[in-house]
């Protein structure tokens, strides 16, 4: 038997064939750099999209809060007007009854 065929190739323990030329190593380094560059571009794009989404959400929430403040303000102003009308009518009624009682009008 040939002893060269029984020995594992150089670099087998590393799961790499380290007997390749420098040209192959340079090509592998270039592929690694390109892969890493694509990954970083994708991550940066995702971060930019997430930042844009967060800003859009913040603006939408601010607009919604402003709308709700406007609606509550309008409701309170309307409620005040309704109370004022009811209370003015109620005060006028009591003033009229007091006048009738003091003037000798219908006391019923």
Protein backbone atom coordinates (compact mmCIF):
# COMPACT_ATOMS: atom_id res chain seq x y z
CA UNK A 1 0.00 0.00 0.00
CA UNK A 2 1.04 3.55 -0.73
CA UNK A 3 1.61 5.51 2.51
CA UNK A 4 0.78 8.87 0.88
CA UNK A 5 -2.79 7.73 0.29
CA UNK A 6 -3.25 6.78 3.96
CA UNK A 7 -2.18 10.15 5.37
CA UNK A 8 -4.83 12.85 5.54
CA UNK A 9 -4.14 15.91 3.43
CA UNK A 10 -2.50 18.91 5.03
CA UNK A 11 -5.11 20.99 6.88
CA UNK A 12 -7.68 18.17 7.16
CA UNK A 13 -7.94 18.72 10.92
CA UNK A 14 -9.03 22.30 10.19
CA UNK A 15 -11.57 21.19 7.59
CA UNK A 16 -9.55 23.21 5.11
CA UNK A 17 -7.17 22.35 2.35
CA UNK A 18 -4.25 24.60 3.25
CA UNK A 19 -2.19 23.39 0.34
CA UNK A 20 -4.01 25.76 -2.00
CA UNK A 21 -2.23 28.66 -3.57
CA UNK A 22 -2.20 32.24 -2.33
CA UNK A 23 -4.45 33.10 -5.25
CA UNK A 24 -7.21 30.88 -3.80
CA UNK A 25 -6.73 32.39 -0.35
CA UNK A 26 -7.01 35.92 -1.75
CA UNK A 27 -10.17 34.97 -3.61
CA UNK A 28 -11.65 33.50 -0.43
CA UNK A 29 -10.78 36.66 1.52
CA UNK A 30 -12.41 38.77 -1.21
CA UNK A 31 -15.56 36.62 -1.04
CA UNK A 32 -15.62 36.98 2.76
CA UNK A 33 -15.24 40.77 2.50
CA UNK A 34 -17.99 41.00 -0.11
CA UNK A 35 -20.32 38.78 1.93
CA UNK A 36 -19.68 40.88 5.04
CA UNK A 37 -20.22 44.09 3.06
CA UNK A 38 -23.59 42.82 1.75
CA UNK A 39 -24.59 41.82 5.28
CA UNK A 40 -23.66 45.25 6.66
CA UNK A 41 -25.57 47.04 3.86
CA UNK A 42 -28.63 44.90 4.57
CA UNK A 43 -28.36 45.57 8.32
CA UNK A 44 -27.92 49.31 7.73
CA UNK A 45 -30.94 49.34 5.44
CA UNK A 46 -33.00 47.51 8.07
CA UNK A 47 -31.88 49.98 10.74
CA UNK A 48 -32.81 52.90 8.48
CA UNK A 49 -36.22 51.35 7.78
CA UNK A 50 -36.80 50.75 11.50
CA UNK A 51 -35.80 54.33 12.30
CA UNK A 52 -38.17 55.62 9.60
CA UNK A 53 -40.96 53.42 10.95
CA UNK A 54 -40.34 54.65 14.51
CA UNK A 55 -40.43 58.28 13.34
CA UNK A 56 -43.60 57.65 11.35
CA UNK A 57 -45.21 56.00 14.39
CA UNK A 58 -44.16 58.91 16.62
CA UNK A 59 -45.67 61.43 14.20
CA UNK A 60 -48.89 59.42 13.86
CA UNK A 61 -49.21 59.14 17.65
CA UNK A 62 -48.60 62.88 18.08
CA UNK A 63 -51.26 63.66 15.46
CA UNK A 64 -53.70 61.26 17.14
CA UNK A 65 -53.06 62.84 20.55
CA UNK A 66 -53.60 66.33 19.10
CA UNK A 67 -56.86 65.15 17.53
CA UNK A 68 -58.02 63.66 20.83
CA UNK A 69 -57.12 66.86 22.71
CA UNK A 70 -59.15 68.86 20.18
CA UNK A 71 -62.14 66.54 20.53
CA UNK A 72 -62.02 66.60 24.36
CA UNK A 73 -61.67 70.39 24.36
CA UNK A 74 -64.66 70.69 22.04
CA UNK A 75 -66.70 68.33 24.22
CA UNK A 76 -65.87 70.27 27.41
CA UNK A 77 -66.76 73.60 25.77
CA UNK A 78 -70.07 72.13 24.59
CA UNK A 79 -70.75 70.65 28.02
CA UNK A 80 -70.06 74.04 29.64
CA UNK A 81 -72.52 75.70 27.26
CA UNK A 82 -75.16 73.06 28.02
CA UNK A 83 -74.67 73.46 31.78
CA UNK A 84 -74.78 77.24 31.49
CA UNK A 85 -78.07 77.11 29.55
CA UNK A 86 -79.66 74.68 32.03
CA UNK A 87 -78.43 76.58 35.07
CA UNK A 88 -79.50 79.97 33.69
CA UNK A 89 -82.97 78.59 33.02
CA UNK A 90 -83.04 77.03 36.48
CA UNK A 91 -81.89 80.28 38.12
CA UNK A 92 -84.51 82.25 36.16
CA UNK A 93 -87.20 79.78 37.27
CA UNK A 94 -86.25 80.18 40.95
CA UNK A 95 -86.06 83.95 40.67
CA UNK A 96 -89.55 83.99 39.12
CA UNK A 97 -90.95 81.76 41.88
CA UNK A 98 -89.39 83.95 44.56
CA UNK A 99 -90.91 87.03 42.94
CA UNK A 100 -94.31 85.37 42.74
CA UNK A 101 -94.11 84.39 46.38
CA UNK A 102 -93.09 87.86 47.51
CA UNK A 103 -95.49 89.64 45.17
CA UNK A 104 -98.47 87.56 46.19
CA UNK A 105 -98.80 85.82 42.86
CA UNK A 106 -99.77 82.21 42.30
CA UNK A 107 -98.13 80.37 45.22
CA UNK A 108 -98.90 76.92 44.04
